[in-house]
């Protein structure tokens, strides 16, 4: 993800995905003990043969998934229906991503289950972690340590993309992850809730189509586009890379190293070169989003090392091209 220049000025890259997925920590728990029966958390199916080859399920095509609201799968009703335990809070949507949401559940023994869902995650378990299928989609499960598990129902292969769930739970964290993924896949095939898509929204835009190859390769020679999420795309050639992405956030402002730059077409952006780094980020407001938030477009350039020539020059050049290709209101 890119930096949110208003909410704490934290520098986050779309390459996470989020972080994309982001690890969830178990706070205030005695992870060495359990006071619940493992049978209290139902296991998802996760079985059956999965055919080799590309995934052709139209319901999970990237263009369809871009508009699906992630928090619908983590509401009190949705999680309650899984029988995981007690859901006390409403889900928490990400403040810097359209496609990520989280919530937590207390199992019958009082242990906390932390769940995070990313639609279109790209930081996933490797193919050798495939353990069957979820609703016809290849299922990958990777338990790391005693309390953390990543579960992914693949929506695309080569490059990989998935409904990605990360779980922290002082029990068997993979079981609630599989249960949630199964429910997500089922709902996606049965009238999922979607965001409004007003004219000009970047929500529906393919980020890999929002920059001309000739412009990007001038900054990153021989680079090829690869999605790093539903709303971000990276062009990389070994060391240097350009990333184009879209996210919600507060309108950018001058300060904390950010300064104004004119992108043309009446668009004012804000750029920042990282101190002592060959990296520059350019961000600008595209249109209103929800409440005080707006739709933000961002271009990030990262060079080989600290000696890269004019990283902001490269980022601004690509940003000027992106402005001309964004959806028009």
C-alpha atoms as a PDB file:
ATOM      1  CA  UNK A   1       0.000   0.000   0.000  1.00  0.00           C
ATOM      2  CA  UNK A   2       1.037   3.570  -0.428  1.00  0.00           C
ATOM      3  CA  UNK A   3       1.440   6.105   2.362  1.00  0.00           C
ATOM      4  CA  UNK A   4      -1.621   7.564   4.003  1.00  0.00           C
ATOM      5  CA  UNK A   5      -0.424  11.151   4.206  1.00  0.00           C
ATOM      6  CA  UNK A   6      -3.053  12.249   6.701  1.00  0.00           C
ATOM      7  CA  UNK A   7      -3.548   9.277   9.039  1.00  0.00           C
ATOM      8  CA  UNK A   8      -0.239   9.266  10.907  1.00  0.00           C
ATOM      9  CA  UNK A   9       1.866   9.640   7.750  1.00  0.00           C
ATOM     10  CA  UNK A  10       2.775   5.950   7.910  1.00  0.00           C
ATOM     11  CA  UNK A  11       4.498   4.724   4.761  1.00  0.00           C
ATOM     12  CA  UNK A  12       2.615   1.649   3.601  1.00  0.00           C
ATOM     13  CA  UNK A  13       3.071  -0.048   0.226  1.00  0.00           C
ATOM     14  CA  UNK A  14       0.526  -1.656  -2.025  1.00  0.00           C
ATOM     15  CA  UNK A  15       3.113  -4.418  -2.294  1.00  0.00           C
ATOM     16  CA  UNK A  16       2.055  -5.787   1.063  1.00  0.00           C
ATOM     17  CA  UNK A  17      -0.766  -6.684   0.636  1.00  0.00           C
ATOM     18  CA  UNK A  18      -1.876  -4.396   2.313  1.00  0.00           C
ATOM     19  CA  UNK A  19       0.001  -6.207   2.865  1.00  0.00           C
ATOM     20  CA  UNK A  20      -2.091  -6.606   1.116  1.00  0.00           C
ATOM     21  CA  UNK A  21      -1.437 -10.301   4.540  1.00  0.00           C
ATOM     22  CA  UNK A  22      -0.869  -8.242   7.622  1.00  0.00           C
ATOM     23  CA  UNK A  23      -0.054 -10.435  10.656  1.00  0.00           C
ATOM     24  CA  UNK A  24      -2.497 -10.195  13.507  1.00  0.00           C
ATOM     25  CA  UNK A  25      -1.117 -10.232  17.020  1.00  0.00           C
ATOM     26  CA  UNK A  26      -2.670 -11.931  19.987  1.00  0.00           C
ATOM     27  CA  UNK A  27      -2.614  -9.428  22.806  1.00  0.00           C
ATOM     28  CA  UNK A  28      -3.260 -10.127  26.427  1.00  0.00           C
ATOM     29  CA  UNK A  29      -3.679 -13.867  25.918  1.00  0.00           C
ATOM     30  CA  UNK A  30      -2.006 -16.775  27.679  1.00  0.00           C
ATOM     31  CA  UNK A  31      -1.133 -18.623  24.489  1.00  0.00           C
ATOM     32  CA  UNK A  32       0.365 -21.519  26.353  1.00  0.00           C
ATOM     33  CA  UNK A  33      -2.950 -22.606  27.807  1.00  0.00           C
ATOM     34  CA  UNK A  34      -6.387 -23.335  26.439  1.00  0.00           C
ATOM     35  CA  UNK A  35      -9.689 -23.532  28.215  1.00  0.00           C
ATOM     36  CA  UNK A  36     -11.874 -24.644  25.333  1.00  0.00           C
ATOM     37  CA  UNK A  37     -12.532 -27.719  23.298  1.00  0.00           C
ATOM     38  CA  UNK A  38     -11.155 -27.671  19.770  1.00  0.00           C
ATOM     39  CA  UNK A  39     -14.436 -29.138  18.566  1.00  0.00           C
ATOM     40  CA  UNK A  40     -16.171 -25.843  19.316  1.00  0.00           C
ATOM     41  CA  UNK A  41     -14.831 -24.363  16.060  1.00  0.00           C
ATOM     42  CA  UNK A  42     -16.297 -26.054  12.974  1.00  0.00           C
ATOM     43  CA  UNK A  43     -14.010 -27.102  10.162  1.00  0.00           C
ATOM     44  CA  UNK A  44     -14.728 -26.028   6.602  1.00  0.00           C
ATOM     45  CA  UNK A  45     -14.982 -28.613   3.865  1.00  0.00           C
ATOM     46  CA  UNK A  46     -11.621 -27.940   2.221  1.00  0.00           C
ATOM     47  CA  UNK A  47     -11.755 -31.251   0.396  1.00  0.00           C
ATOM     48  CA  UNK A  48     -12.197 -32.464  -3.128  1.00  0.00           C
ATOM     49  CA  UNK A  49     -10.129 -32.461  -6.286  1.00  0.00           C
ATOM     50  CA  UNK A  50      -9.192 -29.207  -8.008  1.00  0.00           C
ATOM     51  CA  UNK A  51      -8.512 -29.257 -11.723  1.00  0.00           C
ATOM     52  CA  UNK A  52      -5.211 -27.937 -13.010  1.00  0.00           C
ATOM     53  CA  UNK A  53      -5.148 -24.887 -15.243  1.00  0.00           C
ATOM     54  CA  UNK A  54      -6.504 -21.339 -15.097  1.00  0.00           C
ATOM     55  CA  UNK A  55      -9.478 -20.376 -12.937  1.00  0.00           C
ATOM     56  CA  UNK A  56     -12.369 -19.461 -15.229  1.00  0.00           C
ATOM     57  CA  UNK A  57     -15.091 -18.825 -12.640  1.00  0.00           C
ATOM     58  CA  UNK A  58     -16.704 -15.562 -13.818  1.00  0.00           C
ATOM     59  CA  UNK A  59     -17.895 -14.752 -10.279  1.00  0.00           C
ATOM     60  CA  UNK A  60     -14.307 -14.308  -9.073  1.00  0.00           C
ATOM     61  CA  UNK A  61     -12.892 -12.380 -12.024  1.00  0.00           C
ATOM     62  CA  UNK A  62     -10.880  -9.358 -10.905  1.00  0.00           C
ATOM     63  CA  UNK A  63     -13.247  -6.899 -12.547  1.00  0.00           C
ATOM     64  CA  UNK A  64     -16.129  -8.349 -10.541  1.00  0.00           C
ATOM     65  CA  UNK A  65     -14.281  -8.560  -7.237  1.00  0.00           C
ATOM     66  CA  UNK A  66     -13.130  -4.925  -7.304  1.00  0.00           C
ATOM     67  CA  UNK A  67     -16.577  -3.673  -6.288  1.00  0.00           C
ATOM     68  CA  UNK A  68     -17.407  -6.236  -3.579  1.00  0.00           C
ATOM     69  CA  UNK A  69     -17.613  -4.884  -0.026  1.00  0.00           C
ATOM     70  CA  UNK A  70     -15.324  -6.918   2.271  1.00  0.00           C
ATOM     71  CA  UNK A  71     -16.994  -6.137   5.613  1.00  0.00           C
ATOM     72  CA  UNK A  72     -20.224  -7.937   4.720  1.00  0.00           C
ATOM     73  CA  UNK A  73     -18.438 -11.227   5.460  1.00  0.00           C
ATOM     74  CA  UNK A  74     -17.391 -10.140   8.965  1.00  0.00           C
ATOM     75  CA  UNK A  75     -20.621  -8.722  10.381  1.00  0.00           C
ATOM     76  CA  UNK A  76     -22.096 -10.062  13.601  1.00  0.00           C
ATOM     77  CA  UNK A  77     -24.674 -12.019  11.636  1.00  0.00           C
ATOM     78  CA  UNK A  78     -22.190 -13.409   9.127  1.00  0.00           C
ATOM     79  CA  UNK A  79     -19.679 -14.554  11.728  1.00  0.00           C
ATOM     80  CA  UNK A  80     -22.417 -15.693  14.077  1.00  0.00           C
ATOM     81  CA  UNK A  81     -23.700 -18.029  11.395  1.00  0.00           C
ATOM     82  CA  UNK A  82     -20.317 -19.790  11.351  1.00  0.00           C
ATOM     83  CA  UNK A  83     -20.701 -20.886  14.974  1.00  0.00           C
ATOM     84  CA  UNK A  84     -17.262 -19.621  15.970  1.00  0.00           C
ATOM     85  CA  UNK A  85     -18.427 -17.949  19.170  1.00  0.00           C
ATOM     86  CA  UNK A  86     -19.597 -14.526  20.308  1.00  0.00           C
ATOM     87  CA  UNK A  87     -19.177 -11.498  18.059  1.00  0.00           C
ATOM     88  CA  UNK A  88     -19.239  -8.296  20.103  1.00  0.00           C
ATOM     89  CA  UNK A  89     -18.222  -5.634  17.605  1.00  0.00           C
ATOM     90  CA  UNK A  90     -19.084  -4.481  14.124  1.00  0.00           C
ATOM     91  CA  UNK A  91     -16.403  -5.141  11.513  1.00  0.00           C
ATOM     92  CA  UNK A  92     -13.602  -2.612  11.008  1.00  0.00           C
ATOM     93  CA  UNK A  93     -12.955  -1.627   7.400  1.00  0.00           C
ATOM     94  CA  UNK A  94      -9.418  -0.650   6.441  1.00  0.00           C
ATOM     95  CA  UNK A  95      -8.864   3.101   6.271  1.00  0.00           C
ATOM     96  CA  UNK A  96      -6.333   2.685   3.455  1.00  0.00           C
ATOM     97  CA  UNK A  97      -7.760  -0.115   1.295  1.00  0.00           C
ATOM     98  CA  UNK A  98     -11.058  -0.756  -0.466  1.00  0.00           C
ATOM     99  CA  UNK A  99     -10.809  -4.527  -0.134  1.00  0.00           C
ATOM    100  CA  UNK A 100      -9.770  -5.283   3.462  1.00  0.00           C
ATOM    101  CA  UNK A 101     -11.766  -5.695   6.684  1.00  0.00           C
ATOM    102  CA  UNK A 102     -11.267  -7.269  10.117  1.00  0.00           C
ATOM    103  CA  UNK A 103     -13.186  -8.379  13.177  1.00  0.00           C
ATOM    104  CA  UNK A 104     -12.800 -10.643  16.197  1.00  0.00           C
ATOM    105  CA  UNK A 105     -14.765 -13.391  17.905  1.00  0.00           C
ATOM    106  CA  UNK A 106     -14.649 -14.921  21.371  1.00  0.00           C
ATOM    107  CA  UNK A 107     -14.886 -18.696  21.306  1.00  0.00           C
ATOM    108  CA  UNK A 108     -16.985 -20.554  23.926  1.00  0.00           C
ATOM    109  CA  UNK A 109     -13.924 -20.754  26.182  1.00  0.00           C
ATOM    110  CA  UNK A 110     -13.331 -16.997  26.052  1.00  0.00           C
ATOM    111  CA  UNK A 111     -10.336 -17.114  23.716  1.00  0.00           C
ATOM    112  CA  UNK A 112     -10.166 -14.391  21.061  1.00  0.00           C
ATOM    113  CA  UNK A 113     -10.167 -15.216  17.353  1.00  0.00           C
ATOM    114  CA  UNK A 114      -8.847 -12.352  15.221  1.00  0.00           C
ATOM    115  CA  UNK A 115      -9.813 -12.442  11.567  1.00  0.00           C
ATOM    116  CA  UNK A 116      -8.749 -10.289   8.641  1.00  0.00           C
ATOM    117  CA  UNK A 117     -10.053 -10.672   5.095  1.00  0.00           C
ATOM    118  CA  UNK A 118      -8.525  -9.222   1.956  1.00  0.00           C
ATOM    119  CA  UNK A 119     -10.362  -9.644  -1.329  1.00  0.00           C
ATOM    120  CA  UNK A 120      -7.709  -9.946  -4.013  1.00  0.00           C
ATOM    121  CA  UNK A 121      -4.782 -10.714  -1.744  1.00  0.00           C
ATOM    122  CA  UNK A 122      -1.441 -11.501  -3.401  1.00  0.00           C
ATOM    123  CA  UNK A 123       0.771 -12.321  -0.408  1.00  0.00           C
ATOM    124  CA  UNK A 124      -0.357 -15.916  -0.120  1.00  0.00           C
ATOM    125  CA  UNK A 125       0.687 -19.420   0.892  1.00  0.00           C
ATOM    126  CA  UNK A 126       2.681 -21.107  -1.856  1.00  0.00           C
ATOM    127  CA  UNK A 127       1.092 -23.618  -4.223  1.00  0.00           C
ATOM    128  CA  UNK A 128       2.548 -26.534  -2.259  1.00  0.00           C
ATOM    129  CA  UNK A 129       0.181 -25.572   0.578  1.00  0.00           C
ATOM    130  CA  UNK A 130      -2.894 -26.430  -1.539  1.00  0.00           C
ATOM    131  CA  UNK A 131      -5.150 -28.708   0.515  1.00  0.00           C
ATOM    132  CA  UNK A 132      -8.234 -29.190  -1.634  1.00  0.00           C
ATOM    133  CA  UNK A 133     -10.923 -26.706  -2.585  1.00  0.00           C
ATOM    134  CA  UNK A 134     -13.323 -24.140  -1.191  1.00  0.00           C
ATOM    135  CA  UNK A 135     -16.457 -23.789  -3.276  1.00  0.00           C
ATOM    136  CA  UNK A 136     -14.616 -25.093  -6.305  1.00  0.00           C
ATOM    137  CA  UNK A 137     -11.599 -22.793  -5.852  1.00  0.00           C
ATOM    138  CA  UNK A 138      -8.146 -24.108  -4.922  1.00  0.00           C
ATOM    139  CA  UNK A 139      -7.621 -23.793  -1.171  1.00  0.00           C
ATOM    140  CA  UNK A 140      -4.222 -23.038   0.338  1.00  0.00           C
ATOM    141  CA  UNK A 141      -3.596 -23.237   4.078  1.00  0.00           C
ATOM    142  CA  UNK A 142      -0.382 -22.340   5.902  1.00  0.00           C
ATOM    143  CA  UNK A 143      -0.080 -22.444   9.686  1.00  0.00           C
ATOM    144  CA  UNK A 144       2.837 -20.422  11.020  1.00  0.00           C
ATOM    145  CA  UNK A 145       3.589 -20.984  14.673  1.00  0.00           C
ATOM    146  CA  UNK A 146       1.025 -22.065  17.227  1.00  0.00           C
ATOM    147  CA  UNK A 147      -1.488 -19.253  16.787  1.00  0.00           C
ATOM    148  CA  UNK A 148      -1.310 -17.878  13.235  1.00  0.00           C
ATOM    149  CA  UNK A 149      -2.721 -19.211   9.989  1.00  0.00           C
ATOM    150  CA  UNK A 150      -3.135 -17.913   6.446  1.00  0.00           C
ATOM    151  CA  UNK A 151      -5.986 -19.342   4.382  1.00  0.00           C
ATOM    152  CA  UNK A 152      -6.549 -18.498   0.723  1.00  0.00           C
ATOM    153  CA  UNK A 153      -9.243 -19.463  -1.762  1.00  0.00           C
ATOM    154  CA  UNK A 154      -7.541 -18.798  -5.078  1.00  0.00           C
ATOM    155  CA  UNK A 155      -9.354 -16.600  -7.583  1.00  0.00           C
ATOM    156  CA  UNK A 156      -6.512 -16.449 -10.135  1.00  0.00           C
ATOM    157  CA  UNK A 157      -3.275 -18.291 -10.800  1.00  0.00           C
ATOM    158  CA  UNK A 158      -0.012 -17.028 -12.318  1.00  0.00           C
ATOM    159  CA  UNK A 159      -0.155 -14.338 -11.083  1.00  0.00           C
ATOM    160  CA  UNK A 160      -1.816 -15.574  -7.923  1.00  0.00           C
ATOM    161  CA  UNK A 161      -4.733 -13.780  -6.289  1.00  0.00           C
ATOM    162  CA  UNK A 162      -7.187 -14.949  -3.641  1.00  0.00           C
ATOM    163  CA  UNK A 163      -9.732 -14.370  -0.933  1.00  0.00           C
ATOM    164  CA  UNK A 164      -7.042 -14.166   1.746  1.00  0.00           C
ATOM    165  CA  UNK A 165      -7.852 -14.663   5.426  1.00  0.00           C
ATOM    166  CA  UNK A 166      -5.326 -14.322   8.234  1.00  0.00           C
ATOM    167  CA  UNK A 167      -6.212 -15.627  11.676  1.00  0.00           C
ATOM    168  CA  UNK A 168      -4.672 -15.365  15.117  1.00  0.00           C
ATOM    169  CA  UNK A 169      -6.181 -17.773  17.641  1.00  0.00           C
ATOM    170  CA  UNK A 170      -4.803 -19.669  20.638  1.00  0.00           C
ATOM    171  CA  UNK A 171      -6.483 -22.822  19.420  1.00  0.00           C
ATOM    172  CA  UNK A 172      -6.401 -24.166  15.878  1.00  0.00           C
ATOM    173  CA  UNK A 173      -6.300 -20.920  13.836  1.00  0.00           C
ATOM    174  CA  UNK A 174      -6.693 -22.628  10.460  1.00  0.00           C
ATOM    175  CA  UNK A 175     -10.163 -23.996  11.190  1.00  0.00           C
ATOM    176  CA  UNK A 176     -11.977 -20.638  11.611  1.00  0.00           C
ATOM    177  CA  UNK A 177      -9.996 -19.334   8.627  1.00  0.00           C
ATOM    178  CA  UNK A 178     -11.276 -22.149   6.448  1.00  0.00           C
ATOM    179  CA  UNK A 179     -14.824 -21.683   7.737  1.00  0.00           C
ATOM    180  CA  UNK A 180     -14.720 -17.980   6.836  1.00  0.00           C
ATOM    181  CA  UNK A 181     -13.234 -18.579   3.390  1.00  0.00           C
ATOM    182  CA  UNK A 182     -15.935 -21.135   2.605  1.00  0.00           C
ATOM    183  CA  UNK A 183     -18.624 -18.619   3.596  1.00  0.00           C
ATOM    184  CA  UNK A 184     -16.996 -15.880   1.493  1.00  0.00           C
ATOM    185  CA  UNK A 185     -16.865 -18.049  -1.621  1.00  0.00           C
ATOM    186  CA  UNK A 186     -20.479 -19.117  -1.156  1.00  0.00           C
ATOM    187  CA  UNK A 187     -21.705 -15.538  -0.699  1.00  0.00           C
ATOM    188  CA  UNK A 188     -19.714 -14.252  -3.688  1.00  0.00           C
ATOM    189  CA  UNK A 189     -21.654 -16.722  -5.816  1.00  0.00           C
ATOM    190  CA  UNK A 190     -24.955 -15.588  -4.321  1.00  0.00           C
ATOM    191  CA  UNK A 191     -25.616 -11.849  -4.693  1.00  0.00           C
ATOM    192  CA  UNK A 192     -22.811 -10.255  -2.646  1.00  0.00           C
ATOM    193  CA  UNK A 193     -23.148  -6.649  -1.519  1.00  0.00           C
ATOM    194  CA  UNK A 194     -21.247  -4.201  -3.714  1.00  0.00           C
ATOM    195  CA  UNK A 195     -19.985  -0.660  -3.436  1.00  0.00           C
ATOM    196  CA  UNK A 196     -21.785   2.052  -5.403  1.00  0.00           C
ATOM    197  CA  UNK A 197     -19.919   2.772  -8.620  1.00  0.00           C
ATOM    198  CA  UNK A 198     -20.561   6.421  -9.586  1.00  0.00           C
ATOM    199  CA  UNK A 199     -19.229   7.699 -12.887  1.00  0.00           C
ATOM    200  CA  UNK A 200     -15.485   8.227 -12.805  1.00  0.00           C
ATOM    201  CA  UNK A 201     -14.729   6.047  -9.774  1.00  0.00           C
ATOM    202  CA  UNK A 202     -11.324   4.385  -9.672  1.00  0.00           C
ATOM    203  CA  UNK A 203     -12.932   1.468  -7.865  1.00  0.00           C
ATOM    204  CA  UNK A 204     -13.633  -0.278 -11.163  1.00  0.00           C
ATOM    205  CA  UNK A 205     -10.349   0.674 -12.867  1.00  0.00           C
ATOM    206  CA  UNK A 206      -7.752  -1.933 -13.797  1.00  0.00           C
ATOM    207  CA  UNK A 207      -4.558  -0.420 -12.336  1.00  0.00           C
ATOM    208  CA  UNK A 208      -2.383  -2.328 -14.809  1.00  0.00           C
ATOM    209  CA  UNK A 209      -4.133  -0.485 -17.648  1.00  0.00           C
ATOM    210  CA  UNK A 210      -3.730   2.976 -16.121  1.00  0.00           C
ATOM    211  CA  UNK A 211      -0.222   3.704 -17.437  1.00  0.00           C
ATOM    212  CA  UNK A 212       1.247   3.449 -20.928  1.00  0.00           C
ATOM    213  CA  UNK A 213       3.993   0.858 -21.276  1.00  0.00           C
ATOM    214  CA  UNK A 214       6.288   3.302 -23.071  1.00  0.00           C
ATOM    215  CA  UNK A 215       6.047   5.794 -20.194  1.00  0.00           C
ATOM    216  CA  UNK A 216       6.703   3.202 -17.496  1.00  0.00           C
ATOM    217  CA  UNK A 217       9.594   1.524 -19.301  1.00  0.00           C
ATOM    218  CA  UNK A 218      11.306   4.893 -19.635  1.00  0.00           C
ATOM    219  CA  UNK A 219      11.621   4.776 -15.838  1.00  0.00           C
ATOM    220  CA  UNK A 220      11.908   0.988 -15.459  1.00  0.00           C
ATOM    221  CA  UNK A 221      13.352  -0.595 -18.630  1.00  0.00           C
ATOM    222  CA  UNK A 222      12.037  -4.040 -19.664  1.00  0.00           C
ATOM    223  CA  UNK A 223       9.426  -3.957 -16.914  1.00  0.00           C
ATOM    224  CA  UNK A 224       6.267  -6.034 -17.146  1.00  0.00           C
ATOM    225  CA  UNK A 225       2.998  -5.289 -15.368  1.00  0.00           C
ATOM    226  CA  UNK A 226       1.798  -7.589 -12.597  1.00  0.00           C
ATOM    227  CA  UNK A 227      -1.189  -6.989 -10.285  1.00  0.00           C
ATOM    228  CA  UNK A 228      -0.317  -6.615  -6.610  1.00  0.00           C
ATOM    229  CA  UNK A 229      -3.967  -6.529  -5.572  1.00  0.00           C
ATOM    230  CA  UNK A 230      -7.300  -5.622  -7.106  1.00  0.00           C
ATOM    231  CA  UNK A 231      -6.422  -1.928  -6.963  1.00  0.00           C
ATOM    232  CA  UNK A 232      -2.657  -1.886  -7.491  1.00  0.00           C
ATOM    233  CA  UNK A 233      -0.174  -2.906 -10.158  1.00  0.00           C
ATOM    234  CA  UNK A 234       3.607  -3.091 -10.227  1.00  0.00           C
ATOM    235  CA  UNK A 235       6.076  -2.791 -13.071  1.00  0.00           C
ATOM    236  CA  UNK A 236       9.433  -4.245 -11.988  1.00  0.00           C
ATOM    237  CA  UNK A 237      12.768  -4.977 -13.635  1.00  0.00           C
ATOM    238  CA  UNK A 238      14.982  -6.661 -11.068  1.00  0.00           C
ATOM    239  CA  UNK A 239      15.729  -3.660  -8.844  1.00  0.00           C
ATOM    240  CA  UNK A 240      13.691  -0.607  -9.874  1.00  0.00           C
ATOM    241  CA  UNK A 241       9.902  -0.650  -9.797  1.00  0.00           C
ATOM    242  CA  UNK A 242       6.875   1.533 -10.428  1.00  0.00           C
ATOM    243  CA  UNK A 243       3.583   0.903  -8.648  1.00  0.00           C
ATOM    244  CA  UNK A 244       0.232   2.459  -9.577  1.00  0.00           C
ATOM    245  CA  UNK A 245      -2.647   2.077  -7.165  1.00  0.00           C
ATOM    246  CA  UNK A 246      -5.902   3.409  -5.798  1.00  0.00           C
ATOM    247  CA  UNK A 247      -7.224   3.588  -2.246  1.00  0.00           C
ATOM    248  CA  UNK A 248      -9.526   5.555   0.057  1.00  0.00           C
ATOM    249  CA  UNK A 249      -8.171   8.179   2.408  1.00  0.00           C
ATOM    250  CA  UNK A 250      -8.300  11.767   3.564  1.00  0.00           C
ATOM    251  CA  UNK A 251      -7.333  14.457   1.031  1.00  0.00           C
ATOM    252  CA  UNK A 252      -3.542  14.867   0.839  1.00  0.00           C
ATOM    253  CA  UNK A 253      -1.933  18.028   2.193  1.00  0.00           C
ATOM    254  CA  UNK A 254       1.416  19.781   2.230  1.00  0.00           C
ATOM    255  CA  UNK A 255       3.615  18.826   5.147  1.00  0.00           C
ATOM    256  CA  UNK A 256       5.835  16.072   6.543  1.00  0.00           C
ATOM    257  CA  UNK A 257       7.989  16.222   3.442  1.00  0.00           C
ATOM    258  CA  UNK A 258       5.130  16.385   0.941  1.00  0.00           C
ATOM    259  CA  UNK A 259       5.058  19.279  -1.530  1.00  0.00           C
ATOM    260  CA  UNK A 260       2.694  20.234  -4.337  1.00  0.00           C
ATOM    261  CA  UNK A 261       3.317  19.264  -7.936  1.00  0.00           C
ATOM    262  CA  UNK A 262       1.247  20.111 -11.015  1.00  0.00           C
ATOM    263  CA  UNK A 263       0.279  17.031 -13.031  1.00  0.00           C
ATOM    264  CA  UNK A 264      -1.570  18.990 -15.690  1.00  0.00           C
ATOM    265  CA  UNK A 265      -5.234  18.629 -16.627  1.00  0.00           C
ATOM    266  CA  UNK A 266      -6.061  20.764 -13.593  1.00  0.00           C
ATOM    267  CA  UNK A 267      -4.723  18.151 -11.137  1.00  0.00           C
ATOM    268  CA  UNK A 268      -2.525  19.102  -8.192  1.00  0.00           C
ATOM    269  CA  UNK A 269      -0.674  16.245  -6.538  1.00  0.00           C
ATOM    270  CA  UNK A 270       1.655  15.881  -3.562  1.00  0.00           C
ATOM    271  CA  UNK A 271       5.082  14.281  -3.837  1.00  0.00           C
ATOM    272  CA  UNK A 272       7.599  13.092  -1.293  1.00  0.00           C
ATOM    273  CA  UNK A 273      11.069  11.653  -1.700  1.00  0.00           C
ATOM    274  CA  UNK A 274      12.060   9.438   1.173  1.00  0.00           C
ATOM    275  CA  UNK A 275      15.016  10.797   3.113  1.00  0.00           C
ATOM    276  CA  UNK A 276      18.228   9.058   2.083  1.00  0.00           C
ATOM    277  CA  UNK A 277      16.324   6.775  -0.282  1.00  0.00           C
ATOM    278  CA  UNK A 278      15.879   6.393  -4.032  1.00  0.00           C
ATOM    279  CA  UNK A 279      12.129   6.336  -3.652  1.00  0.00           C
ATOM    280  CA  UNK A 280       9.382   8.862  -4.325  1.00  0.00           C
ATOM    281  CA  UNK A 281       5.617   8.772  -3.922  1.00  0.00           C
ATOM    282  CA  UNK A 282       3.114  10.984  -5.745  1.00  0.00           C
ATOM    283  CA  UNK A 283      -0.501  11.089  -4.529  1.00  0.00           C
ATOM    284  CA  UNK A 284      -3.582  13.038  -5.541  1.00  0.00           C
ATOM    285  CA  UNK A 285      -7.329  13.218  -4.988  1.00  0.00           C
ATOM    286  CA  UNK A 286      -9.406  11.804  -7.821  1.00  0.00           C
ATOM    287  CA  UNK A 287     -12.995  12.193  -6.594  1.00  0.00           C
ATOM    288  CA  UNK A 288     -15.076  12.031  -3.373  1.00  0.00           C
ATOM    289  CA  UNK A 289     -15.494   8.655  -1.686  1.00  0.00           C
ATOM    290  CA  UNK A 290     -17.392   8.289   1.607  1.00  0.00           C
ATOM    291  CA  UNK A 291     -17.720  10.811   4.423  1.00  0.00           C
ATOM    292  CA  UNK A 292     -14.533  12.854   4.674  1.00  0.00           C
ATOM    293  CA  UNK A 293     -12.587  10.325   2.616  1.00  0.00           C
ATOM    294  CA  UNK A 294     -11.768  10.654  -1.073  1.00  0.00           C
ATOM    295  CA  UNK A 295     -10.544   8.313  -3.776  1.00  0.00           C
ATOM    296  CA  UNK A 296      -6.780   8.626  -3.989  1.00  0.00           C
ATOM    297  CA  UNK A 297      -4.529   7.736  -6.902  1.00  0.00           C
ATOM    298  CA  UNK A 298      -0.858   7.078  -6.228  1.00  0.00           C
ATOM    299  CA  UNK A 299       2.349   6.387  -8.116  1.00  0.00           C
ATOM    300  CA  UNK A 300       5.408   5.055  -6.342  1.00  0.00           C
ATOM    301  CA  UNK A 301       8.914   4.801  -7.842  1.00  0.00           C
ATOM    302  CA  UNK A 302      11.707   2.801  -6.174  1.00  0.00           C
ATOM    303  CA  UNK A 303      15.205   2.718  -7.600  1.00  0.00           C
ATOM    304  CA  UNK A 304      18.056   0.244  -7.291  1.00  0.00           C
ATOM    305  CA  UNK A 305      19.668   1.999  -4.368  1.00  0.00           C
ATOM    306  CA  UNK A 306      20.238   5.438  -2.861  1.00  0.00           C
ATOM    307  CA  UNK A 307      22.077   6.546  -6.002  1.00  0.00           C
ATOM    308  CA  UNK A 308      19.049   6.321  -8.319  1.00  0.00           C
ATOM    309  CA  UNK A 309      18.710   9.470 -10.404  1.00  0.00           C
ATOM    310  CA  UNK A 310      15.720  11.725  -9.727  1.00  0.00           C
ATOM    311  CA  UNK A 311      13.157   9.272  -8.284  1.00  0.00           C
ATOM    312  CA  UNK A 312      10.524  12.016  -8.039  1.00  0.00           C
ATOM    313  CA  UNK A 313      11.104  12.948 -11.666  1.00  0.00           C
ATOM    314  CA  UNK A 314      10.299   9.368 -12.643  1.00  0.00           C
ATOM    315  CA  UNK A 315       7.270   9.186 -10.340  1.00  0.00           C
ATOM    316  CA  UNK A 316       5.846  12.498 -11.568  1.00  0.00           C
ATOM    317  CA  UNK A 317       6.305  11.528 -15.234  1.00  0.00           C
ATOM    318  CA  UNK A 318       4.316   8.339 -14.724  1.00  0.00           C
ATOM    319  CA  UNK A 319       1.704  10.174 -12.630  1.00  0.00           C
ATOM    320  CA  UNK A 320       1.142  12.695 -15.423  1.00  0.00           C
ATOM    321  CA  UNK A 321       0.410   9.784 -17.756  1.00  0.00           C
ATOM    322  CA  UNK A 322      -1.902   8.081 -15.241  1.00  0.00           C
ATOM    323  CA  UNK A 323      -3.976  11.265 -14.865  1.00  0.00           C
ATOM    324  CA  UNK A 324      -4.863  11.131 -18.555  1.00  0.00           C
ATOM    325  CA  UNK A 325      -6.047   7.530 -18.355  1.00  0.00           C
ATOM    326  CA  UNK A 326      -8.175   7.554 -15.178  1.00  0.00           C
ATOM    327  CA  UNK A 327     -11.964   7.162 -15.492  1.00  0.00           C
ATOM    328  CA  UNK A 328     -13.696  10.486 -16.109  1.00  0.00           C
ATOM    329  CA  UNK A 329     -16.700  11.593 -14.025  1.00  0.00           C
END
